[in-house]
Amino acid sequence: MYFVRSTPIIVTLLLIITLIEAKPTYRSLSSRNIKDRIKYFLNLTGVENEYARFLNFLNIYPPTDNVKMRSFYNELFSINAYLSDLTRSYAKYYALDEINELIIFYSSSVGQKLIQANSELNRRMEDIMLTKISDYIFTSSEHGFSIPL
């Protein structure tokens, strides 16, 4: 009799345990190492392309003729140095669960659209601002004002 009464309880407990084990959680999505997750997130968002574009915009290129200068450049400006700096910054502001939520969002179609749109919008705003700056400098010089650069 005891077995008949306890069987539904045992079956229910087993089902609950099975559902809990099968349910995806943030912990199953993560490698417990927040720095690895942040690097994955940064890769997902295409930060490497933006950084390369930024260096190109500033005309900062790796030296090719001097090994010491090339080493110094890599220490300061390589993508690995940039990702390390950025990873430390993100780790100060976000917890592991928050990084995982960001990864989930940016992995979605809306997140990918946001990445693509932001990239294009940033380029357009740069063009608009450069045009406005040149117009400002040109108009100011026409009126006898000198704009220090």
N, C-alpha and C. Protein backbone atom coordinates (compact mmCIF):
# COMPACT_ATOMS: atom_id res chain seq x y z
N MET A 1 0.82 -1.19 0.00
CA MET A 1 0.00 0.00 0.00
C MET A 1 0.87 1.26 0.00
N TYR A 2 1.94 1.21 0.78
CA TYR A 2 2.84 2.36 0.85
C TYR A 2 3.45 2.63 -0.52
N PHE A 3 3.80 1.56 -1.24
CA PHE A 3 4.39 1.70 -2.57
C PHE A 3 3.41 2.35 -3.54
N VAL A 4 2.15 1.99 -3.48
CA VAL A 4 1.13 2.54 -4.37
C VAL A 4 0.95 4.04 -4.11
N ARG A 5 0.97 4.46 -2.85
CA ARG A 5 0.81 5.88 -2.51
C ARG A 5 2.05 6.69 -2.89
N SER A 6 3.21 6.13 -2.71
CA SER A 6 4.44 6.89 -2.95
C SER A 6 4.85 6.91 -4.42
N THR A 7 4.32 6.01 -5.24
CA THR A 7 4.68 5.95 -6.66
C THR A 7 4.37 7.26 -7.39
N PRO A 8 3.16 7.84 -7.25
CA PRO A 8 2.91 9.11 -7.95
C PRO A 8 3.86 10.23 -7.49
N ILE A 9 4.20 10.23 -6.23
CA ILE A 9 5.12 11.27 -5.73
C ILE A 9 6.51 11.08 -6.33
N ILE A 10 6.97 9.85 -6.39
CA ILE A 10 8.29 9.57 -6.96
C ILE A 10 8.30 9.91 -8.44
N VAL A 11 7.26 9.53 -9.16
CA VAL A 11 7.18 9.85 -10.59
C VAL A 11 7.17 11.36 -10.81
N THR A 12 6.40 12.06 -9.99
CA THR A 12 6.34 13.53 -10.10
C THR A 12 7.71 14.14 -9.84
N LEU A 13 8.39 13.69 -8.82
CA LEU A 13 9.73 14.20 -8.53
C LEU A 13 10.70 13.92 -9.67
N LEU A 14 10.63 12.73 -10.23
CA LEU A 14 11.51 12.40 -11.36
C LEU A 14 11.22 13.29 -12.57
N LEU A 15 9.95 13.55 -12.83
CA LEU A 15 9.60 14.44 -13.94
C LEU A 15 10.11 15.86 -13.71
N ILE A 16 9.96 16.34 -12.50
CA ILE A 16 10.45 17.69 -12.17
C ILE A 16 11.96 17.77 -12.34
N ILE A 17 12.65 16.77 -11.84
CA ILE A 17 14.12 16.75 -11.98
C ILE A 17 14.50 16.69 -13.45
N THR A 18 13.81 15.90 -14.24
CA THR A 18 14.09 15.81 -15.68
C THR A 18 13.85 17.15 -16.36
N LEU A 19 12.77 17.82 -16.03
CA LEU A 19 12.48 19.12 -16.63
C LEU A 19 13.52 20.16 -16.24
N ILE A 20 13.94 20.13 -15.00
CA ILE A 20 14.95 21.09 -14.54
C ILE A 20 16.26 20.83 -15.25
N GLU A 21 16.65 19.59 -15.40
CA GLU A 21 17.91 19.25 -16.06
C GLU A 21 17.87 19.60 -17.55
N ALA A 22 16.71 19.46 -18.17
CA ALA A 22 16.60 19.72 -19.61
C ALA A 22 16.44 21.19 -19.93
N LYS A 23 16.04 22.00 -18.95
CA LYS A 23 15.80 23.42 -19.19
C LYS A 23 17.12 24.15 -19.40
N PRO A 24 17.28 24.88 -20.52
CA PRO A 24 18.52 25.63 -20.71
C PRO A 24 18.60 26.78 -19.73
N THR A 25 19.75 26.96 -19.18
CA THR A 25 19.98 28.05 -18.25
C THR A 25 21.19 28.83 -18.70
N TYR A 26 21.40 30.00 -18.10
CA TYR A 26 22.56 30.80 -18.43
C TYR A 26 23.84 30.06 -18.10
N ARG A 27 23.82 29.27 -17.04
CA ARG A 27 25.03 28.54 -16.66
C ARG A 27 25.40 27.53 -17.72
N SER A 28 24.39 26.90 -18.36
CA SER A 28 24.71 25.94 -19.41
C SER A 28 25.21 26.65 -20.66
N LEU A 29 24.86 27.91 -20.82
CA LEU A 29 25.33 28.67 -21.97
C LEU A 29 26.73 29.22 -21.76
N SER A 30 27.19 29.25 -20.53
CA SER A 30 28.45 29.92 -20.27
C SER A 30 29.53 28.96 -19.89
N SER A 31 30.73 29.44 -20.07
CA SER A 31 31.89 28.71 -19.61
C SER A 31 32.28 29.29 -18.26
N ARG A 32 31.68 29.52 -17.35
CA ARG A 32 32.02 30.04 -16.03
C ARG A 32 33.11 31.11 -16.02
N ASN A 33 33.84 31.31 -17.07
CA ASN A 33 34.88 32.32 -17.11
C ASN A 33 34.34 33.56 -17.80
N ILE A 34 34.14 34.62 -17.04
CA ILE A 34 33.52 35.82 -17.60
C ILE A 34 34.36 36.44 -18.71
N LYS A 35 35.67 36.36 -18.60
CA LYS A 35 36.52 36.95 -19.65
C LYS A 35 36.33 36.24 -20.98
N ASP A 36 36.20 34.92 -20.95
CA ASP A 36 35.94 34.18 -22.19
C ASP A 36 34.60 34.57 -22.79
N ARG A 37 33.60 34.74 -21.94
CA ARG A 37 32.27 35.12 -22.42
C ARG A 37 32.27 36.54 -22.99
N ILE A 38 33.01 37.44 -22.34
CA ILE A 38 33.09 38.81 -22.84
C ILE A 38 33.78 38.82 -24.20
N LYS A 39 34.86 38.06 -24.34
CA LYS A 39 35.54 37.99 -25.64
C LYS A 39 34.62 37.42 -26.71
N TYR A 40 33.83 36.42 -26.35
CA TYR A 40 32.87 35.87 -27.29
C TYR A 40 31.84 36.94 -27.69
N PHE A 41 31.35 37.67 -26.70
CA PHE A 41 30.40 38.75 -26.95
C PHE A 41 31.00 39.81 -27.87
N LEU A 42 32.22 40.23 -27.59
CA LEU A 42 32.87 41.25 -28.42
C LEU A 42 33.06 40.75 -29.85
N ASN A 43 33.41 39.50 -30.00
CA ASN A 43 33.54 38.92 -31.33
C ASN A 43 32.19 38.91 -32.04
N LEU A 44 31.15 38.57 -31.32
CA LEU A 44 29.80 38.52 -31.87
C LEU A 44 29.35 39.89 -32.37
N THR A 45 29.74 40.94 -31.67
CA THR A 45 29.30 42.28 -32.03
C THR A 45 30.18 42.94 -33.10
N GLY A 46 31.25 42.27 -33.50
CA GLY A 46 32.09 42.81 -34.58
C GLY A 46 32.97 43.96 -34.16
N VAL A 47 33.35 44.00 -32.90
CA VAL A 47 34.16 45.11 -32.39
C VAL A 47 35.52 45.16 -33.08
N GLU A 48 36.02 44.03 -33.54
CA GLU A 48 37.32 44.01 -34.22
C GLU A 48 37.30 44.85 -35.49
N ASN A 49 36.21 44.76 -36.24
CA ASN A 49 36.10 45.54 -37.48
C ASN A 49 36.04 47.03 -37.18
N GLU A 50 35.30 47.39 -36.15
CA GLU A 50 35.19 48.81 -35.77
C GLU A 50 36.54 49.35 -35.30
N TYR A 51 37.29 48.53 -34.57
CA TYR A 51 38.60 48.96 -34.08
C TYR A 51 39.56 49.15 -35.25
N ALA A 52 39.55 48.24 -36.20
CA ALA A 52 40.41 48.37 -37.38
C ALA A 52 40.04 49.63 -38.17
N ARG A 53 38.75 49.89 -38.28
CA ARG A 53 38.29 51.10 -38.98
C ARG A 53 38.74 52.35 -38.24
N PHE A 54 38.68 52.32 -36.92
CA PHE A 54 39.11 53.44 -36.09
C PHE A 54 40.61 53.72 -36.28
N LEU A 55 41.43 52.66 -36.23
CA LEU A 55 42.87 52.83 -36.44
C LEU A 55 43.15 53.36 -37.84
N ASN A 56 42.43 52.87 -38.81
CA ASN A 56 42.59 53.33 -40.18
C ASN A 56 42.21 54.81 -40.30
N PHE A 57 41.14 55.20 -39.65
CA PHE A 57 40.70 56.59 -39.67
C PHE A 57 41.77 57.51 -39.09
N LEU A 58 42.43 57.05 -38.02
CA LEU A 58 43.49 57.84 -37.39
C LEU A 58 44.84 57.69 -38.07
N ASN A 59 44.88 56.89 -39.14
CA ASN A 59 46.13 56.61 -39.86
C ASN A 59 47.19 56.02 -38.94
N ILE A 60 46.80 55.09 -38.12
CA ILE A 60 47.73 54.39 -37.24
C ILE A 60 47.93 52.99 -37.82
N TYR A 61 49.11 52.78 -38.39
CA TYR A 61 49.42 51.51 -39.01
C TYR A 61 50.66 50.91 -38.35
N PRO A 62 50.78 49.59 -38.37
CA PRO A 62 51.96 48.97 -37.77
C PRO A 62 53.21 49.28 -38.60
N PRO A 63 54.30 49.64 -37.92
CA PRO A 63 55.55 49.88 -38.65
C PRO A 63 56.06 48.58 -39.27
N THR A 64 56.64 48.70 -40.43
CA THR A 64 57.14 47.50 -41.11
C THR A 64 58.66 47.44 -41.14
N ASP A 65 59.33 48.54 -40.85
CA ASP A 65 60.78 48.58 -41.02
C ASP A 65 61.57 48.46 -39.72
N ASN A 66 60.90 48.50 -38.57
CA ASN A 66 61.61 48.47 -37.30
C ASN A 66 60.95 47.45 -36.37
N VAL A 67 61.71 46.44 -36.01
CA VAL A 67 61.17 45.35 -35.20
C VAL A 67 60.75 45.84 -33.81
N LYS A 68 61.55 46.71 -33.19
CA LYS A 68 61.21 47.22 -31.85
C LYS A 68 59.94 48.06 -31.89
N MET A 69 59.83 48.91 -32.90
CA MET A 69 58.63 49.75 -33.02
C MET A 69 57.40 48.88 -33.32
N ARG A 70 57.61 47.84 -34.12
CA ARG A 70 56.50 46.93 -34.43
C ARG A 70 56.04 46.24 -33.14
N SER A 71 56.97 45.81 -32.31
CA SER A 71 56.65 45.17 -31.05
C SER A 71 55.92 46.15 -30.12
N PHE A 72 56.39 47.38 -30.07
CA PHE A 72 55.75 48.41 -29.25
C PHE A 72 54.33 48.70 -29.76
N TYR A 73 54.19 48.80 -31.08
CA TYR A 73 52.88 49.00 -31.69
C TYR A 73 51.93 47.87 -31.29
N ASN A 74 52.39 46.63 -31.41
CA ASN A 74 51.55 45.47 -31.06
C ASN A 74 51.15 45.49 -29.59
N GLU A 75 52.07 45.92 -28.74
CA GLU A 75 51.78 45.99 -27.32
C GLU A 75 50.65 46.98 -27.04
N LEU A 76 50.62 48.07 -27.78
CA LEU A 76 49.62 49.11 -27.55
C LEU A 76 48.36 48.97 -28.40
N PHE A 77 48.54 48.65 -29.67
CA PHE A 77 47.43 48.78 -30.62
C PHE A 77 46.96 47.48 -31.27
N SER A 78 47.56 46.35 -30.97
CA SER A 78 47.11 45.11 -31.60
C SER A 78 45.67 44.82 -31.18
N ILE A 79 45.00 44.02 -31.98
CA ILE A 79 43.62 43.67 -31.65
C ILE A 79 43.57 42.90 -30.33
N ASN A 80 44.59 42.09 -30.06
CA ASN A 80 44.61 41.36 -28.78
C ASN A 80 44.75 42.31 -27.60
N ALA A 81 45.60 43.34 -27.74
CA ALA A 81 45.74 44.33 -26.66
C ALA A 81 44.43 45.07 -26.46
N TYR A 82 43.78 45.44 -27.57
CA TYR A 82 42.51 46.15 -27.49
C TYR A 82 41.43 45.29 -26.83
N LEU A 83 41.34 44.02 -27.24
CA LEU A 83 40.35 43.13 -26.67
C LEU A 83 40.61 42.90 -25.18
N SER A 84 41.86 42.81 -24.78
CA SER A 84 42.18 42.65 -23.35
C SER A 84 41.73 43.87 -22.56
N ASP A 85 42.03 45.05 -23.07
CA ASP A 85 41.61 46.29 -22.40
C ASP A 85 40.09 46.37 -22.32
N LEU A 86 39.44 46.08 -23.42
CA LEU A 86 37.98 46.16 -23.47
C LEU A 86 37.33 45.10 -22.57
N THR A 87 37.92 43.92 -22.52
CA THR A 87 37.40 42.85 -21.67
C THR A 87 37.46 43.26 -20.20
N ARG A 88 38.57 43.85 -19.78
CA ARG A 88 38.68 44.32 -18.40
C ARG A 88 37.62 45.39 -18.11
N SER A 89 37.39 46.27 -19.05
CA SER A 89 36.38 47.32 -18.86
C SER A 89 34.98 46.73 -18.73
N TYR A 90 34.63 45.80 -19.62
CA TYR A 90 33.32 45.17 -19.55
C TYR A 90 33.13 44.40 -18.26
N ALA A 91 34.19 43.74 -17.78
CA ALA A 91 34.11 42.95 -16.55
C ALA A 91 33.81 43.83 -15.33
N LYS A 92 34.17 45.10 -15.40
CA LYS A 92 33.89 46.02 -14.30
C LYS A 92 32.42 46.42 -14.25
N TYR A 93 31.75 46.39 -15.40
CA TYR A 93 30.37 46.88 -15.49
C TYR A 93 29.31 45.79 -15.58
N TYR A 94 29.69 44.60 -16.00
CA TYR A 94 28.70 43.55 -16.23
C TYR A 94 29.04 42.28 -15.46
N ALA A 95 28.01 41.63 -14.95
CA ALA A 95 28.15 40.32 -14.32
C ALA A 95 28.04 39.26 -15.41
N LEU A 96 28.43 38.04 -15.08
CA LEU A 96 28.40 36.95 -16.05
C LEU A 96 27.00 36.74 -16.61
N ASP A 97 25.98 36.76 -15.77
CA ASP A 97 24.61 36.57 -16.25
C ASP A 97 24.20 37.68 -17.22
N GLU A 98 24.65 38.90 -16.97
CA GLU A 98 24.32 40.02 -17.86
C GLU A 98 25.02 39.85 -19.21
N ILE A 99 26.27 39.41 -19.19
CA ILE A 99 26.99 39.15 -20.45
C ILE A 99 26.27 38.07 -21.24
N ASN A 100 25.81 37.03 -20.55
CA ASN A 100 25.08 35.96 -21.23
C ASN A 100 23.77 36.48 -21.84
N GLU A 101 23.10 37.38 -21.15
CA GLU A 101 21.88 37.98 -21.70
C GLU A 101 22.20 38.82 -22.93
N LEU A 102 23.30 39.56 -22.88
CA LEU A 102 23.72 40.34 -24.05
C LEU A 102 24.03 39.41 -25.23
N ILE A 103 24.69 38.31 -24.95
CA ILE A 103 25.01 37.35 -26.01
C ILE A 103 23.73 36.79 -26.63
N ILE A 104 22.77 36.47 -25.79
CA ILE A 104 21.49 35.96 -26.31
C ILE A 104 20.83 37.00 -27.20
N PHE A 105 20.81 38.25 -26.74
CA PHE A 105 20.18 39.31 -27.54
C PHE A 105 20.93 39.52 -28.86
N TYR A 106 22.24 39.70 -28.79
CA TYR A 106 23.00 39.99 -30.00
C TYR A 106 23.10 38.80 -30.94
N SER A 107 22.78 37.61 -30.46
CA SER A 107 22.72 36.43 -31.33
C SER A 107 21.40 36.36 -32.08
N SER A 108 20.40 37.09 -31.60
CA SER A 108 19.09 37.08 -32.25
C SER A 108 19.13 37.90 -33.53
N SER A 109 18.10 37.75 -34.35
CA SER A 109 18.05 38.50 -35.61
C SER A 109 17.95 40.00 -35.36
N VAL A 110 17.23 40.41 -34.33
CA VAL A 110 17.12 41.83 -34.00
C VAL A 110 18.47 42.37 -33.54
N GLY A 111 19.18 41.58 -32.73
CA GLY A 111 20.51 41.99 -32.28
C GLY A 111 21.49 42.15 -33.44
N GLN A 112 21.44 41.21 -34.37
CA GLN A 112 22.32 41.29 -35.54
C GLN A 112 21.95 42.49 -36.42
N LYS A 113 20.66 42.77 -36.52
CA LYS A 113 20.22 43.94 -37.28
C LYS A 113 20.72 45.23 -36.61
N LEU A 114 20.66 45.26 -35.29
CA LEU A 114 21.16 46.42 -34.55
C LEU A 114 22.65 46.64 -34.81
N ILE A 115 23.43 45.57 -34.78
CA ILE A 115 24.86 45.67 -35.04
C ILE A 115 25.10 46.24 -36.44
N GLN A 116 24.41 45.70 -37.41
CA GLN A 116 24.58 46.15 -38.79
C GLN A 116 24.12 47.60 -38.95
N ALA A 117 22.98 47.95 -38.38
CA ALA A 117 22.46 49.31 -38.49
C ALA A 117 23.36 50.30 -37.78
N ASN A 118 23.85 49.96 -36.58
CA ASN A 118 24.72 50.88 -35.86
C ASN A 118 25.99 51.17 -36.62
N SER A 119 26.52 50.17 -37.25
CA SER A 119 27.74 50.36 -38.03
C SER A 119 27.49 51.36 -39.17
N GLU A 120 26.42 51.15 -39.87
CA GLU A 120 26.08 52.05 -40.98
C GLU A 120 25.72 53.44 -40.47
N LEU A 121 24.95 53.51 -39.39
CA LEU A 121 24.58 54.82 -38.83
C LEU A 121 25.81 55.58 -38.35
N ASN A 122 26.75 54.89 -37.74
CA ASN A 122 27.99 55.55 -37.30
C ASN A 122 28.76 56.12 -38.48
N ARG A 123 28.84 55.37 -39.56
CA ARG A 123 29.53 55.86 -40.76
C ARG A 123 28.83 57.10 -41.33
N ARG A 124 27.51 57.04 -41.38
CA ARG A 124 26.76 58.19 -41.90
C ARG A 124 26.94 59.42 -41.02
N MET A 125 26.89 59.22 -39.69
CA MET A 125 27.07 60.36 -38.78
C MET A 125 28.48 60.93 -38.88
N GLU A 126 29.48 60.08 -39.08
CA GLU A 126 30.84 60.58 -39.27
C GLU A 126 30.90 61.47 -40.52
N ASP A 127 30.29 61.01 -41.61
CA ASP A 127 30.27 61.81 -42.84
C ASP A 127 29.56 63.14 -42.63
N ILE A 128 28.42 63.10 -41.95
CA ILE A 128 27.67 64.32 -41.69
C ILE A 128 28.50 65.29 -40.84
N MET A 129 29.12 64.76 -39.77
CA MET A 129 29.91 65.63 -38.89
C MET A 129 31.14 66.18 -39.60
N LEU A 130 31.81 65.39 -40.43
CA LEU A 130 32.97 65.89 -41.17
C LEU A 130 32.56 66.99 -42.15
N THR A 131 31.40 66.82 -42.77
CA THR A 131 30.89 67.86 -43.67
C THR A 131 30.58 69.13 -42.90
N LYS A 132 29.93 68.99 -41.74
CA LYS A 132 29.61 70.17 -40.93
C LYS A 132 30.88 70.86 -40.43
N ILE A 133 31.87 70.09 -40.03
CA ILE A 133 33.12 70.68 -39.55
C ILE A 133 33.81 71.44 -40.67
N SER A 134 33.88 70.84 -41.86
CA SER A 134 34.53 71.53 -42.97
C SER A 134 33.73 72.78 -43.37
N ASP A 135 32.40 72.70 -43.36
CA ASP A 135 31.58 73.88 -43.64
C ASP A 135 31.83 74.98 -42.62
N TYR A 136 31.93 74.60 -41.36
CA TYR A 136 32.17 75.55 -40.28
C TYR A 136 33.53 76.24 -40.46
N ILE A 137 34.55 75.45 -40.74
CA ILE A 137 35.89 76.00 -40.93
C ILE A 137 35.91 76.92 -42.15
N PHE A 138 35.32 76.48 -43.26
CA PHE A 138 35.31 77.26 -44.49
C PHE A 138 34.54 78.57 -44.30
N THR A 139 33.35 78.50 -43.70
CA THR A 139 32.53 79.69 -43.49
C THR A 139 33.20 80.65 -42.51
N SER A 140 33.81 80.12 -41.48
CA SER A 140 34.51 80.95 -40.51
C SER A 140 35.67 81.68 -41.15
N SER A 141 36.43 80.98 -42.00
CA SER A 141 37.57 81.63 -42.65
C SER A 141 37.11 82.68 -43.66
N GLU A 142 35.94 82.48 -44.29
CA GLU A 142 35.39 83.49 -45.20
C GLU A 142 35.04 84.77 -44.46
N HIS A 143 34.69 84.65 -43.19
CA HIS A 143 34.32 85.81 -42.38
C HIS A 143 35.48 86.32 -41.54
N GLY A 144 36.69 85.85 -41.82
CA GLY A 144 37.86 86.35 -41.14
C GLY A 144 38.19 85.72 -39.80
N PHE A 145 37.50 84.64 -39.46
CA PHE A 145 37.81 83.95 -38.21
C PHE A 145 38.78 82.80 -38.47
N SER A 146 39.70 82.63 -37.56
CA SER A 146 40.64 81.54 -37.67
C SER A 146 40.26 80.45 -36.67
N ILE A 147 40.11 79.25 -37.17
CA ILE A 147 39.75 78.12 -36.32
C ILE A 147 41.03 77.31 -36.06
N PRO A 148 41.50 77.29 -34.81
CA PRO A 148 42.71 76.48 -34.53
C PRO A 148 42.38 74.99 -34.57
N LEU A 149 43.23 74.26 -35.23
CA LEU A 149 43.02 72.80 -35.33
C LEU A 149 44.10 72.07 -34.59
